[in-house]
């Protein structure tokens, strides 16, 4: 397991790959994590705009 906190999507991806006995190409995995990061940043921006600072901080 990684030392960084994983979100639901990352955990699901890790579990799916492990369950299928498949490895993800490192460049594909990098792209997936970049997309997750972008999603979390957008979510945090939306929460900040609504004044929900606690939830926004959890996305970062």
C-alpha atoms as a PDB file:
ATOM      1  CA  UNK A   1       0.000   0.000   0.000  1.00  0.00           C
ATOM      2  CA  UNK A   2       1.137   3.528  -0.679  1.00  0.00           C
ATOM      3  CA  UNK A   3       2.095   5.872   2.136  1.00  0.00           C
ATOM      4  CA  UNK A   4      -0.129   8.637   0.742  1.00  0.00           C
ATOM      5  CA  UNK A   5      -3.828   8.699   1.546  1.00  0.00           C
ATOM      6  CA  UNK A   6      -5.811   7.039  -1.232  1.00  0.00           C
ATOM      7  CA  UNK A   7      -9.294   8.041  -2.285  1.00  0.00           C
ATOM      8  CA  UNK A   8     -12.107   5.648  -3.069  1.00  0.00           C
ATOM      9  CA  UNK A   9     -11.323   5.688  -6.793  1.00  0.00           C
ATOM     10  CA  UNK A  10      -7.663   4.828  -6.267  1.00  0.00           C
ATOM     11  CA  UNK A  11      -8.520   2.027  -3.875  1.00  0.00           C
ATOM     12  CA  UNK A  12     -11.062   0.641  -6.345  1.00  0.00           C
ATOM     13  CA  UNK A  13      -8.498   0.741  -9.154  1.00  0.00           C
ATOM     14  CA  UNK A  14      -5.876  -0.994  -7.007  1.00  0.00           C
ATOM     15  CA  UNK A  15      -8.389  -3.662  -5.901  1.00  0.00           C
ATOM     16  CA  UNK A  16      -9.629  -4.263  -9.442  1.00  0.00           C
ATOM     17  CA  UNK A  17      -6.135  -4.724 -10.807  1.00  0.00           C
ATOM     18  CA  UNK A  18      -5.135  -6.960  -7.919  1.00  0.00           C
ATOM     19  CA  UNK A  19      -8.315  -9.030  -8.294  1.00  0.00           C
ATOM     20  CA  UNK A  20      -7.713  -9.479 -12.020  1.00  0.00           C
ATOM     21  CA  UNK A  21      -4.038 -10.234 -11.466  1.00  0.00           C
ATOM     22  CA  UNK A  22      -3.229  -7.395 -13.867  1.00  0.00           C
ATOM     23  CA  UNK A  23      -0.545  -4.756 -13.775  1.00  0.00           C
ATOM     24  CA  UNK A  24      -1.223  -1.294 -15.127  1.00  0.00           C
ATOM     25  CA  UNK A  25       1.425   0.191 -17.374  1.00  0.00           C
ATOM     26  CA  UNK A  26       3.263   2.857 -15.325  1.00  0.00           C
ATOM     27  CA  UNK A  27       2.527   5.594 -17.874  1.00  0.00           C
ATOM     28  CA  UNK A  28      -1.180   4.677 -17.842  1.00  0.00           C
ATOM     29  CA  UNK A  29      -1.173   4.657 -14.052  1.00  0.00           C
ATOM     30  CA  UNK A  30       0.435   8.101 -14.047  1.00  0.00           C
ATOM     31  CA  UNK A  31      -2.292   9.412 -16.361  1.00  0.00           C
ATOM     32  CA  UNK A  32      -4.992   7.936 -14.124  1.00  0.00           C
ATOM     33  CA  UNK A  33      -3.520   9.584 -11.029  1.00  0.00           C
ATOM     34  CA  UNK A  34      -3.203  12.927 -12.835  1.00  0.00           C
ATOM     35  CA  UNK A  35      -6.900  12.730 -13.718  1.00  0.00           C
ATOM     36  CA  UNK A  36      -7.816  11.855 -10.120  1.00  0.00           C
ATOM     37  CA  UNK A  37      -5.770  14.826  -8.892  1.00  0.00           C
ATOM     38  CA  UNK A  38      -7.477  17.167 -11.347  1.00  0.00           C
ATOM     39  CA  UNK A  39     -10.896  15.865 -10.259  1.00  0.00           C
ATOM     40  CA  UNK A  40     -10.120  16.391  -6.567  1.00  0.00           C
ATOM     41  CA  UNK A  41      -8.860  19.915  -7.263  1.00  0.00           C
ATOM     42  CA  UNK A  42     -12.060  20.776  -9.177  1.00  0.00           C
ATOM     43  CA  UNK A  43     -14.137  19.311  -6.342  1.00  0.00           C
ATOM     44  CA  UNK A  44     -12.200  21.390  -3.801  1.00  0.00           C
ATOM     45  CA  UNK A  45     -12.682  24.545  -5.882  1.00  0.00           C
ATOM     46  CA  UNK A  46     -16.443  23.912  -6.017  1.00  0.00           C
ATOM     47  CA  UNK A  47     -16.594  23.365  -2.268  1.00  0.00           C
ATOM     48  CA  UNK A  48     -14.576  26.528  -1.610  1.00  0.00           C
ATOM     49  CA  UNK A  49     -16.965  28.509  -3.794  1.00  0.00           C
ATOM     50  CA  UNK A  50     -19.828  27.258  -1.599  1.00  0.00           C
ATOM     51  CA  UNK A  51     -17.936  28.171   1.571  1.00  0.00           C
ATOM     52  CA  UNK A  52     -17.488  24.556   2.685  1.00  0.00           C
ATOM     53  CA  UNK A  53     -13.878  24.961   3.792  1.00  0.00           C
ATOM     54  CA  UNK A  54     -13.664  21.773   5.823  1.00  0.00           C
ATOM     55  CA  UNK A  55     -14.815  19.521   2.978  1.00  0.00           C
ATOM     56  CA  UNK A  56     -12.611  21.431   0.524  1.00  0.00           C
ATOM     57  CA  UNK A  57      -9.555  20.861   2.699  1.00  0.00           C
ATOM     58  CA  UNK A  58     -10.261  17.125   2.727  1.00  0.00           C
ATOM     59  CA  UNK A  59     -10.061  17.054  -1.079  1.00  0.00           C
ATOM     60  CA  UNK A  60      -6.551  18.496  -1.066  1.00  0.00           C
END
